[in-house]
Amino acid sequence: MTTAAQWVAGARPRTLPAAVAPVLVGTGAADHAGGAHLGRALLAAGVALALQVGVNYANDYSDGIRGTDADRVGPMRLVASMTARAVDVKRAAFAAFGVAAVLGLVLVVLSGDPWLVLVGAAAIAAAWFYTGGKRPYGYRGLGEVGVFVFFGLVAVLGTTWTQAHALPLPAWLGAVAIGLLACALLMANNLRDVPTDAVVGKRTLAVRLGEHRARRAYAALVVVPVLLGAACAVVAPWSLLVLLAGVPAVALASVVLLGARGRALVPVLAGTGFLELGVGLLLFLGLVVS
């Protein structure tokens, strides 16, 4: 029987800080526009966390039944390790998506924007079909596109809109920055798995780029967002606080550029998640104080 600790490990908690970052940035932008709302911010955070857990379980299930998780390092794979039945992991994924849907519907009602239901449905579909279905887009090198759109643009701009019904410049700059960091998180994960993904035919962007170019892409994905966040200083001077994240960003980029691979990339994955959270928190503080 699968233990609670194993279910928690299967949810890949190291990726969860990244789910909070877009809500922090979106709420900071809403506050700067004069419309922050704590209750709606908490609902948005609940949606983001539930979606992240859902996509983690969905990936575990889909990769597990395809056999692409059979020989990997990193976080526990419930299905591949036969720690949990595939059908139970699938149910856990849809349960998490259900929680996200319920919280999202409440947020839609409170914000008074029924068209957001379609956005939420698209986000859940993107989460499932990343590795699920007959032709998962994550297997064709399009995973970063989905992550950038839904865990960056939609998450940040949606959070700002549901609170302030406005999309100021910091929201756009922050959305792009967080989207790029979300892509960096995925790139770190896929860079670690390049050898095994290539063998089983999983053509992630890291596989398509090749290891050398994928490492350079990762470096850009963690450094550029810090500069984008600092650019918010044009309208919110205290946004320069985000430059404090430049040190860990450069440190992570250096580890990857120097050739870390396999298990050595596991801390990079966790560090990238916390970098995204740090950028989100610093930008939030900068926008609120400004």
C-alpha atoms as a PDB file:
ATOM      1  CA  MET A   1       0.000   0.000   0.000  1.00  0.00           C
ATOM      2  CA  THR A   2       1.304   3.442  -0.938  1.00  0.00           C
ATOM      3  CA  THR A   3       2.157   5.520   2.127  1.00  0.00           C
ATOM      4  CA  ALA A   4       1.316   9.187   2.644  1.00  0.00           C
ATOM      5  CA  ALA A   5       5.022  10.041   2.465  1.00  0.00           C
ATOM      6  CA  GLN A   6       5.297   8.329  -0.921  1.00  0.00           C
ATOM      7  CA  TRP A   7       2.288  10.238  -2.260  1.00  0.00           C
ATOM      8  CA  VAL A   8       3.882  13.481  -1.066  1.00  0.00           C
ATOM      9  CA  ALA A   9       7.181  12.556  -2.737  1.00  0.00           C
ATOM     10  CA  GLY A  10       5.297  11.675  -5.935  1.00  0.00           C
ATOM     11  CA  ALA A  11       3.737  15.152  -5.931  1.00  0.00           C
ATOM     12  CA  ARG A  12       7.306  16.496  -6.332  1.00  0.00           C
ATOM     13  CA  PRO A  13       7.162  19.148  -3.587  1.00  0.00           C
ATOM     14  CA  ARG A  14      10.372  20.784  -4.832  1.00  0.00           C
ATOM     15  CA  THR A  15       8.399  22.163  -7.782  1.00  0.00           C
ATOM     16  CA  LEU A  16       5.649  23.691  -5.631  1.00  0.00           C
ATOM     17  CA  PRO A  17       7.392  26.961  -4.676  1.00  0.00           C
ATOM     18  CA  ALA A  18       7.290  27.836  -8.378  1.00  0.00           C
ATOM     19  CA  ALA A  19       3.486  27.634  -8.314  1.00  0.00           C
ATOM     20  CA  VAL A  20       3.288  30.452  -5.751  1.00  0.00           C
ATOM     21  CA  ALA A  21       5.616  32.825  -7.607  1.00  0.00           C
ATOM     22  CA  PRO A  22       3.176  33.940 -10.340  1.00  0.00           C
ATOM     23  CA  VAL A  23       0.524  34.677  -7.732  1.00  0.00           C
ATOM     24  CA  LEU A  24       2.962  36.849  -5.783  1.00  0.00           C
ATOM     25  CA  VAL A  25       3.932  38.803  -8.895  1.00  0.00           C
ATOM     26  CA  GLY A  26       0.344  39.126 -10.082  1.00  0.00           C
ATOM     27  CA  THR A  27      -0.805  40.324  -6.663  1.00  0.00           C
ATOM     28  CA  GLY A  28       2.066  42.795  -6.449  1.00  0.00           C
ATOM     29  CA  ALA A  29       1.093  44.204  -9.844  1.00  0.00           C
ATOM     30  CA  ALA A  30      -2.549  44.413  -8.723  1.00  0.00           C
ATOM     31  CA  ASP A  31      -1.506  46.280  -5.584  1.00  0.00           C
ATOM     32  CA  HIS A  32       0.574  48.680  -7.643  1.00  0.00           C
ATOM     33  CA  ALA A  33      -2.546  49.303  -9.725  1.00  0.00           C
ATOM     34  CA  GLY A  34      -4.540  49.908  -6.546  1.00  0.00           C
ATOM     35  CA  GLY A  35      -6.641  46.744  -6.577  1.00  0.00           C
ATOM     36  CA  ALA A  36      -5.027  43.950  -4.520  1.00  0.00           C
ATOM     37  CA  HIS A  37      -7.434  41.541  -2.803  1.00  0.00           C
ATOM     38  CA  LEU A  38      -6.140  38.996  -0.260  1.00  0.00           C
ATOM     39  CA  GLY A  39      -8.996  36.529  -0.632  1.00  0.00           C
ATOM     40  CA  ARG A  40      -8.695  36.338  -4.415  1.00  0.00           C
ATOM     41  CA  ALA A  41      -4.917  36.079  -4.139  1.00  0.00           C
ATOM     42  CA  LEU A  42      -5.283  33.062  -1.841  1.00  0.00           C
ATOM     43  CA  LEU A  43      -7.759  31.447  -4.236  1.00  0.00           C
ATOM     44  CA  ALA A  44      -5.341  31.993  -7.127  1.00  0.00           C
ATOM     45  CA  ALA A  45      -2.568  30.407  -5.066  1.00  0.00           C
ATOM     46  CA  GLY A  46      -4.797  27.415  -4.365  1.00  0.00           C
ATOM     47  CA  VAL A  47      -5.525  27.013  -8.082  1.00  0.00           C
ATOM     48  CA  ALA A  48      -1.831  27.244  -8.970  1.00  0.00           C
ATOM     49  CA  LEU A  49      -0.741  24.716  -6.337  1.00  0.00           C
ATOM     50  CA  ALA A  50      -3.493  22.253  -7.251  1.00  0.00           C
ATOM     51  CA  LEU A  51      -2.606  22.514 -10.949  1.00  0.00           C
ATOM     52  CA  GLN A  52       1.080  21.924 -10.187  1.00  0.00           C
ATOM     53  CA  VAL A  53       0.326  18.829  -8.120  1.00  0.00           C
ATOM     54  CA  GLY A  54      -2.095  17.643 -10.791  1.00  0.00           C
ATOM     55  CA  VAL A  55       0.411  17.998 -13.619  1.00  0.00           C
ATOM     56  CA  ASN A  56       3.084  16.235 -11.552  1.00  0.00           C
ATOM     57  CA  TYR A  57       0.830  13.236 -10.942  1.00  0.00           C
ATOM     58  CA  ALA A  58      -0.381  13.306 -14.549  1.00  0.00           C
ATOM     59  CA  ASN A  59       3.203  13.206 -15.820  1.00  0.00           C
ATOM     60  CA  ASP A  60       4.013  10.381 -13.415  1.00  0.00           C
ATOM     61  CA  TYR A  61       1.045   8.400 -14.732  1.00  0.00           C
ATOM     62  CA  SER A  62       1.534   9.068 -18.453  1.00  0.00           C
ATOM     63  CA  ASP A  63       5.305   8.585 -18.472  1.00  0.00           C
ATOM     64  CA  GLY A  64       4.933   5.538 -16.267  1.00  0.00           C
ATOM     65  CA  ILE A  65       2.513   3.659 -18.499  1.00  0.00           C
ATOM     66  CA  ARG A  66       4.617   4.518 -21.558  1.00  0.00           C
ATOM     67  CA  GLY A  67       7.743   3.172 -19.906  1.00  0.00           C
ATOM     68  CA  THR A  68       9.697   6.417 -20.344  1.00  0.00           C
ATOM     69  CA  ASP A  69      10.316   6.688 -16.575  1.00  0.00           C
ATOM     70  CA  ALA A  70      11.876   3.240 -16.257  1.00  0.00           C
ATOM     71  CA  ASP A  71      15.493   4.390 -15.899  1.00  0.00           C
ATOM     72  CA  ARG A  72      15.787   7.856 -14.410  1.00  0.00           C
ATOM     73  CA  VAL A  73      17.322   9.738 -11.520  1.00  0.00           C
ATOM     74  CA  GLY A  74      15.571  12.374  -9.457  1.00  0.00           C
ATOM     75  CA  PRO A  75      12.182  12.490  -7.710  1.00  0.00           C
ATOM     76  CA  MET A  76      10.189   9.342  -7.017  1.00  0.00           C
ATOM     77  CA  ARG A  77       8.059   8.019  -9.876  1.00  0.00           C
ATOM     78  CA  LEU A  78       5.092   6.286  -8.340  1.00  0.00           C
ATOM     79  CA  VAL A  79       4.046   4.318 -11.417  1.00  0.00           C
ATOM     80  CA  ALA A  80       7.488   3.463 -12.791  1.00  0.00           C
ATOM     81  CA  SER A  81       8.684   2.262  -9.385  1.00  0.00           C
ATOM     82  CA  MET A  82       5.432   0.305  -8.925  1.00  0.00           C
ATOM     83  CA  THR A  83       4.962   2.089  -5.617  1.00  0.00           C
ATOM     84  CA  ALA A  84       1.371   2.929  -6.611  1.00  0.00           C
ATOM     85  CA  ARG A  85      -1.056   1.560  -9.168  1.00  0.00           C
ATOM     86  CA  ALA A  86      -1.264   3.579 -12.358  1.00  0.00           C
ATOM     87  CA  VAL A  87      -5.022   3.994 -12.022  1.00  0.00           C
ATOM     88  CA  ASP A  88      -4.606   5.453  -8.518  1.00  0.00           C
ATOM     89  CA  VAL A  89      -2.043   7.988  -9.710  1.00  0.00           C
ATOM     90  CA  LYS A  90      -4.379   8.965 -12.547  1.00  0.00           C
ATOM     91  CA  ARG A  91      -7.196   9.453 -10.048  1.00  0.00           C
ATOM     92  CA  ALA A  92      -4.915  11.581  -7.870  1.00  0.00           C
ATOM     93  CA  ALA A  93      -4.111  13.766 -10.882  1.00  0.00           C
ATOM     94  CA  PHE A  94      -7.770  14.324 -11.700  1.00  0.00           C
ATOM     95  CA  ALA A  95      -8.590  14.920  -8.043  1.00  0.00           C
ATOM     96  CA  ALA A  96      -6.010  17.716  -8.002  1.00  0.00           C
ATOM     97  CA  PHE A  97      -7.423  19.116 -11.247  1.00  0.00           C
ATOM     98  CA  GLY A  98     -10.870  18.971  -9.640  1.00  0.00           C
ATOM     99  CA  VAL A  99      -9.669  21.020  -6.672  1.00  0.00           C
ATOM    100  CA  ALA A 100      -8.146  23.548  -9.069  1.00  0.00           C
ATOM    101  CA  ALA A 101     -11.433  23.728 -11.003  1.00  0.00           C
ATOM    102  CA  VAL A 102     -13.556  24.309  -7.890  1.00  0.00           C
ATOM    103  CA  LEU A 103     -11.266  27.017  -6.527  1.00  0.00           C
ATOM    104  CA  GLY A 104     -11.076  28.557  -9.987  1.00  0.00           C
ATOM    105  CA  LEU A 105     -14.863  28.691 -10.286  1.00  0.00           C
ATOM    106  CA  VAL A 106     -15.098  30.496  -6.958  1.00  0.00           C
ATOM    107  CA  LEU A 107     -12.502  32.981  -8.178  1.00  0.00           C
ATOM    108  CA  VAL A 108     -14.435  33.485 -11.411  1.00  0.00           C
ATOM    109  CA  VAL A 109     -17.651  34.200  -9.502  1.00  0.00           C
ATOM    110  CA  LEU A 110     -15.922  36.693  -7.217  1.00  0.00           C
ATOM    111  CA  SER A 111     -14.184  38.477 -10.085  1.00  0.00           C
ATOM    112  CA  GLY A 112     -17.302  38.541 -12.268  1.00  0.00           C
ATOM    113  CA  ASP A 113     -15.527  37.338 -15.407  1.00  0.00           C
ATOM    114  CA  PRO A 114     -17.253  34.169 -16.715  1.00  0.00           C
ATOM    115  CA  TRP A 115     -14.938  33.977 -19.753  1.00  0.00           C
ATOM    116  CA  LEU A 116     -12.153  32.948 -17.358  1.00  0.00           C
ATOM    117  CA  VAL A 117     -13.804  29.514 -17.145  1.00  0.00           C
ATOM    118  CA  LEU A 118     -12.507  28.846 -20.658  1.00  0.00           C
ATOM    119  CA  VAL A 119      -9.010  29.911 -19.617  1.00  0.00           C
ATOM    120  CA  GLY A 120      -9.147  27.538 -16.650  1.00  0.00           C
ATOM    121  CA  ALA A 121     -10.357  24.668 -18.808  1.00  0.00           C
ATOM    122  CA  ALA A 122      -7.509  25.306 -21.260  1.00  0.00           C
ATOM    123  CA  ALA A 123      -5.002  25.272 -18.386  1.00  0.00           C
ATOM    124  CA  ILE A 124      -6.239  21.880 -17.157  1.00  0.00           C
ATOM    125  CA  ALA A 125      -6.206  20.484 -20.690  1.00  0.00           C
ATOM    126  CA  ALA A 126      -2.648  21.747 -21.183  1.00  0.00           C
ATOM    127  CA  ALA A 127      -1.605  20.134 -17.901  1.00  0.00           C
ATOM    128  CA  TRP A 128      -2.999  16.749 -18.935  1.00  0.00           C
ATOM    129  CA  PHE A 129      -1.919  16.658 -22.573  1.00  0.00           C
ATOM    130  CA  TYR A 130       1.656  17.685 -21.771  1.00  0.00           C
ATOM    131  CA  THR A 131       2.456  13.972 -21.434  1.00  0.00           C
ATOM    132  CA  GLY A 132      -1.064  12.500 -21.697  1.00  0.00           C
ATOM    133  CA  GLY A 133      -3.159  11.472 -24.673  1.00  0.00           C
ATOM    134  CA  LYS A 134      -2.050   9.886 -27.929  1.00  0.00           C
ATOM    135  CA  ARG A 135       0.172  12.770 -29.063  1.00  0.00           C
ATOM    136  CA  PRO A 136       1.529  14.579 -25.967  1.00  0.00           C
ATOM    137  CA  TYR A 137       2.994  17.928 -26.911  1.00  0.00           C
ATOM    138  CA  GLY A 138       5.742  17.574 -24.296  1.00  0.00           C
ATOM    139  CA  TYR A 139       7.168  14.692 -26.349  1.00  0.00           C
ATOM    140  CA  ARG A 140       7.505  17.009 -29.367  1.00  0.00           C
ATOM    141  CA  GLY A 141       9.581  19.737 -27.752  1.00  0.00           C
ATOM    142  CA  LEU A 142       6.631  22.028 -27.043  1.00  0.00           C
ATOM    143  CA  GLY A 143       6.551  21.647 -23.265  1.00  0.00           C
ATOM    144  CA  GLU A 144       8.240  24.990 -22.659  1.00  0.00           C
ATOM    145  CA  VAL A 145       5.582  26.719 -24.788  1.00  0.00           C
ATOM    146  CA  GLY A 146       2.784  25.344 -22.616  1.00  0.00           C
ATOM    147  CA  VAL A 147       4.643  26.146 -19.405  1.00  0.00           C
ATOM    148  CA  PHE A 148       5.441  29.707 -20.505  1.00  0.00           C
ATOM    149  CA  VAL A 149       1.843  30.402 -21.487  1.00  0.00           C
ATOM    150  CA  PHE A 150       0.003  28.823 -18.556  1.00  0.00           C
ATOM    151  CA  PHE A 151       2.476  28.970 -15.657  1.00  0.00           C
ATOM    152  CA  GLY A 152       3.759  32.376 -16.732  1.00  0.00           C
ATOM    153  CA  LEU A 153       1.452  34.601 -18.757  1.00  0.00           C
ATOM    154  CA  VAL A 154      -1.911  33.157 -17.705  1.00  0.00           C
ATOM    155  CA  ALA A 155      -0.963  32.676 -14.052  1.00  0.00           C
ATOM    156  CA  VAL A 156       0.445  36.169 -13.503  1.00  0.00           C
ATOM    157  CA  LEU A 157      -1.910  38.153 -15.728  1.00  0.00           C
ATOM    158  CA  GLY A 158      -4.909  36.151 -14.522  1.00  0.00           C
ATOM    159  CA  THR A 159      -4.015  36.854 -10.901  1.00  0.00           C
ATOM    160  CA  THR A 160      -3.666  40.576 -11.592  1.00  0.00           C
ATOM    161  CA  TRP A 161      -6.862  40.780 -13.634  1.00  0.00           C
ATOM    162  CA  THR A 162      -9.085  38.978 -11.121  1.00  0.00           C
ATOM    163  CA  GLN A 163      -8.018  41.464  -8.442  1.00  0.00           C
ATOM    164  CA  ALA A 164      -7.530  44.799 -10.219  1.00  0.00           C
ATOM    165  CA  HIS A 165      -9.295  44.352 -13.588  1.00  0.00           C
ATOM    166  CA  ALA A 166      -6.235  46.007 -15.120  1.00  0.00           C
ATOM    167  CA  LEU A 167      -2.976  44.781 -16.650  1.00  0.00           C
ATOM    168  CA  PRO A 168      -0.254  47.362 -15.883  1.00  0.00           C
ATOM    169  CA  LEU A 169       3.306  47.169 -17.241  1.00  0.00           C
ATOM    170  CA  PRO A 170       4.716  45.311 -14.183  1.00  0.00           C
ATOM    171  CA  ALA A 171       2.177  42.550 -14.729  1.00  0.00           C
ATOM    172  CA  TRP A 172       3.406  41.982 -18.302  1.00  0.00           C
ATOM    173  CA  LEU A 173       7.100  42.173 -17.434  1.00  0.00           C
ATOM    174  CA  GLY A 174       6.552  39.944 -14.415  1.00  0.00           C
ATOM    175  CA  ALA A 175       4.514  37.447 -16.448  1.00  0.00           C
ATOM    176  CA  VAL A 176       7.296  37.049 -19.001  1.00  0.00           C
ATOM    177  CA  ALA A 177       9.936  36.784 -16.259  1.00  0.00           C
ATOM    178  CA  ILE A 178       8.027  34.120 -14.339  1.00  0.00           C
ATOM    179  CA  GLY A 179       7.183  32.276 -17.549  1.00  0.00           C
ATOM    180  CA  LEU A 180      10.877  32.081 -18.450  1.00  0.00           C
ATOM    181  CA  LEU A 181      11.757  30.802 -14.974  1.00  0.00           C
ATOM    182  CA  ALA A 182       9.037  28.155 -15.259  1.00  0.00           C
ATOM    183  CA  CYS A 183      10.654  27.128 -18.544  1.00  0.00           C
ATOM    184  CA  ALA A 184      14.029  26.998 -16.768  1.00  0.00           C
ATOM    185  CA  LEU A 185      12.540  24.600 -14.225  1.00  0.00           C
ATOM    186  CA  LEU A 186      11.337  22.339 -17.020  1.00  0.00           C
ATOM    187  CA  MET A 187      14.640  22.669 -18.888  1.00  0.00           C
ATOM    188  CA  ALA A 188      16.590  21.625 -15.780  1.00  0.00           C
ATOM    189  CA  ASN A 189      14.347  18.591 -15.396  1.00  0.00           C
ATOM    190  CA  ASN A 190      14.629  17.620 -19.070  1.00  0.00           C
ATOM    191  CA  LEU A 191      18.362  18.321 -19.251  1.00  0.00           C
ATOM    192  CA  ARG A 192      18.865  15.769 -16.499  1.00  0.00           C
ATOM    193  CA  ASP A 193      16.870  13.239 -18.510  1.00  0.00           C
ATOM    194  CA  VAL A 194      18.386  13.885 -21.971  1.00  0.00           C
ATOM    195  CA  PRO A 195      20.171  10.493 -22.197  1.00  0.00           C
ATOM    196  CA  THR A 196      17.101   8.427 -21.291  1.00  0.00           C
ATOM    197  CA  ASP A 197      14.577  10.620 -23.129  1.00  0.00           C
ATOM    198  CA  ALA A 198      16.542  10.340 -26.366  1.00  0.00           C
ATOM    199  CA  VAL A 199      16.551   6.537 -26.101  1.00  0.00           C
ATOM    200  CA  VAL A 200      12.780   6.216 -25.568  1.00  0.00           C
ATOM    201  CA  GLY A 201      11.861   8.770 -28.239  1.00  0.00           C
ATOM    202  CA  LYS A 202      10.784  11.578 -25.926  1.00  0.00           C
ATOM    203  CA  ARG A 203      11.845  14.606 -27.994  1.00  0.00           C
ATOM    204  CA  THR A 204      11.845  17.343 -25.376  1.00  0.00           C
ATOM    205  CA  LEU A 205      13.277  20.747 -26.246  1.00  0.00           C
ATOM    206  CA  ALA A 206      16.465  19.777 -24.393  1.00  0.00           C
ATOM    207  CA  VAL A 207      16.804  16.695 -26.608  1.00  0.00           C
ATOM    208  CA  ARG A 208      16.092  18.698 -29.763  1.00  0.00           C
ATOM    209  CA  LEU A 209      18.586  21.429 -28.867  1.00  0.00           C
ATOM    210  CA  GLY A 210      21.271  19.008 -27.785  1.00  0.00           C
ATOM    211  CA  GLU A 211      22.937  19.076 -24.393  1.00  0.00           C
ATOM    212  CA  HIS A 212      25.352  21.950 -25.102  1.00  0.00           C
ATOM    213  CA  ARG A 213      22.754  24.391 -26.414  1.00  0.00           C
ATOM    214  CA  ALA A 214      20.218  23.289 -23.796  1.00  0.00           C
ATOM    215  CA  ARG A 215      22.683  24.274 -21.070  1.00  0.00           C
ATOM    216  CA  ARG A 216      23.128  27.730 -22.600  1.00  0.00           C
ATOM    217  CA  ALA A 217      19.356  28.066 -22.929  1.00  0.00           C
ATOM    218  CA  TYR A 218      18.948  27.247 -19.231  1.00  0.00           C
ATOM    219  CA  ALA A 219      21.494  29.921 -18.294  1.00  0.00           C
ATOM    220  CA  ALA A 220      19.559  32.534 -20.274  1.00  0.00           C
ATOM    221  CA  LEU A 221      16.254  31.378 -18.770  1.00  0.00           C
ATOM    222  CA  VAL A 222      17.447  32.043 -15.211  1.00  0.00           C
ATOM    223  CA  VAL A 223      19.369  35.300 -15.802  1.00  0.00           C
ATOM    224  CA  VAL A 224      17.068  37.227 -18.171  1.00  0.00           C
ATOM    225  CA  PRO A 225      14.051  37.136 -15.779  1.00  0.00           C
ATOM    226  CA  VAL A 226      16.049  38.992 -13.118  1.00  0.00           C
ATOM    227  CA  LEU A 227      16.687  41.783 -15.629  1.00  0.00           C
ATOM    228  CA  LEU A 228      13.031  41.848 -16.680  1.00  0.00           C
ATOM    229  CA  GLY A 229      11.966  42.147 -13.064  1.00  0.00           C
ATOM    230  CA  ALA A 230      14.400  45.004 -12.535  1.00  0.00           C
ATOM    231  CA  ALA A 231      12.919  46.735 -15.606  1.00  0.00           C
ATOM    232  CA  CYS A 232       9.726  47.241 -13.587  1.00  0.00           C
ATOM    233  CA  ALA A 233      11.693  49.995 -11.818  1.00  0.00           C
ATOM    234  CA  VAL A 234      10.588  52.266 -14.672  1.00  0.00           C
ATOM    235  CA  VAL A 235       7.246  52.598 -12.859  1.00  0.00           C
ATOM    236  CA  ALA A 236       8.075  50.971  -9.502  1.00  0.00           C
ATOM    237  CA  PRO A 237      11.594  51.927  -8.326  1.00  0.00           C
ATOM    238  CA  TRP A 238      11.743  49.394  -5.492  1.00  0.00           C
ATOM    239  CA  SER A 239      11.482  46.617  -8.062  1.00  0.00           C
ATOM    240  CA  LEU A 240      15.269  46.815  -8.195  1.00  0.00           C
ATOM    241  CA  LEU A 241      15.134  44.544  -5.151  1.00  0.00           C
ATOM    242  CA  VAL A 242      14.828  41.682  -7.611  1.00  0.00           C
ATOM    243  CA  LEU A 243      18.485  42.175  -8.532  1.00  0.00           C
ATOM    244  CA  LEU A 244      19.284  40.380  -5.266  1.00  0.00           C
ATOM    245  CA  ALA A 245      18.197  37.199  -7.063  1.00  0.00           C
ATOM    246  CA  GLY A 246      20.990  37.739  -9.570  1.00  0.00           C
ATOM    247  CA  VAL A 247      23.547  35.966  -7.366  1.00  0.00           C
ATOM    248  CA  PRO A 248      21.697  32.638  -7.095  1.00  0.00           C
ATOM    249  CA  ALA A 249      20.681  32.912 -10.764  1.00  0.00           C
ATOM    250  CA  VAL A 250      24.309  33.209 -11.872  1.00  0.00           C
ATOM    251  CA  ALA A 251      25.312  30.429  -9.467  1.00  0.00           C
ATOM    252  CA  LEU A 252      22.736  28.035 -10.918  1.00  0.00           C
ATOM    253  CA  ALA A 253      23.671  28.986 -14.467  1.00  0.00           C
ATOM    254  CA  SER A 254      27.334  28.344 -13.680  1.00  0.00           C
ATOM    255  CA  VAL A 255      26.655  24.859 -12.285  1.00  0.00           C
ATOM    256  CA  VAL A 256      24.775  23.913 -15.447  1.00  0.00           C
ATOM    257  CA  LEU A 257      27.238  25.525 -17.859  1.00  0.00           C
ATOM    258  CA  LEU A 258      30.121  23.715 -16.142  1.00  0.00           C
ATOM    259  CA  GLY A 259      28.556  20.393 -17.086  1.00  0.00           C
ATOM    260  CA  ALA A 260      26.594  19.062 -14.103  1.00  0.00           C
ATOM    261  CA  ARG A 261      24.584  16.027 -15.117  1.00  0.00           C
ATOM    262  CA  GLY A 262      22.553  13.176 -13.680  1.00  0.00           C
ATOM    263  CA  ARG A 263      22.089  13.387  -9.912  1.00  0.00           C
ATOM    264  CA  ALA A 264      24.133  16.598  -9.795  1.00  0.00           C
ATOM    265  CA  LEU A 265      21.219  18.314 -11.548  1.00  0.00           C
ATOM    266  CA  VAL A 266      18.690  17.334  -8.868  1.00  0.00           C
ATOM    267  CA  PRO A 267      19.748  20.231  -6.571  1.00  0.00           C
ATOM    268  CA  VAL A 268      19.638  22.525  -9.624  1.00  0.00           C
ATOM    269  CA  LEU A 269      15.991  21.581 -10.133  1.00  0.00           C
ATOM    270  CA  ALA A 270      15.169  22.466  -6.519  1.00  0.00           C
ATOM    271  CA  GLY A 271      17.277  25.617  -6.703  1.00  0.00           C
ATOM    272  CA  THR A 272      15.484  26.778  -9.832  1.00  0.00           C
ATOM    273  CA  GLY A 273      12.141  26.388  -8.105  1.00  0.00           C
ATOM    274  CA  PHE A 274      13.306  28.456  -5.157  1.00  0.00           C
ATOM    275  CA  LEU A 275      14.858  31.022  -7.504  1.00  0.00           C
ATOM    276  CA  GLU A 276      11.465  31.471  -9.138  1.00  0.00           C
ATOM    277  CA  LEU A 277       9.882  31.866  -5.706  1.00  0.00           C
ATOM    278  CA  GLY A 278      12.598  34.344  -4.697  1.00  0.00           C
ATOM    279  CA  VAL A 279      12.123  36.445  -7.823  1.00  0.00           C
ATOM    280  CA  GLY A 280       8.375  36.394  -7.245  1.00  0.00           C
ATOM    281  CA  LEU A 281       8.718  37.451  -3.616  1.00  0.00           C
ATOM    282  CA  LEU A 282      11.249  40.216  -4.306  1.00  0.00           C
ATOM    283  CA  LEU A 283       9.201  41.602  -7.170  1.00  0.00           C
ATOM    284  CA  PHE A 284       6.068  41.464  -5.025  1.00  0.00           C
ATOM    285  CA  LEU A 285       7.796  43.418  -2.266  1.00  0.00           C
ATOM    286  CA  GLY A 286       9.218  45.908  -4.734  1.00  0.00           C
ATOM    287  CA  LEU A 287       5.832  46.588  -6.314  1.00  0.00           C
ATOM    288  CA  VAL A 288       4.021  46.864  -2.990  1.00  0.00           C
ATOM    289  CA  VAL A 289       6.591  49.185  -1.401  1.00  0.00           C
ATOM    290  CA  SER A 290       6.732  51.348  -4.530  1.00  0.00           C
END
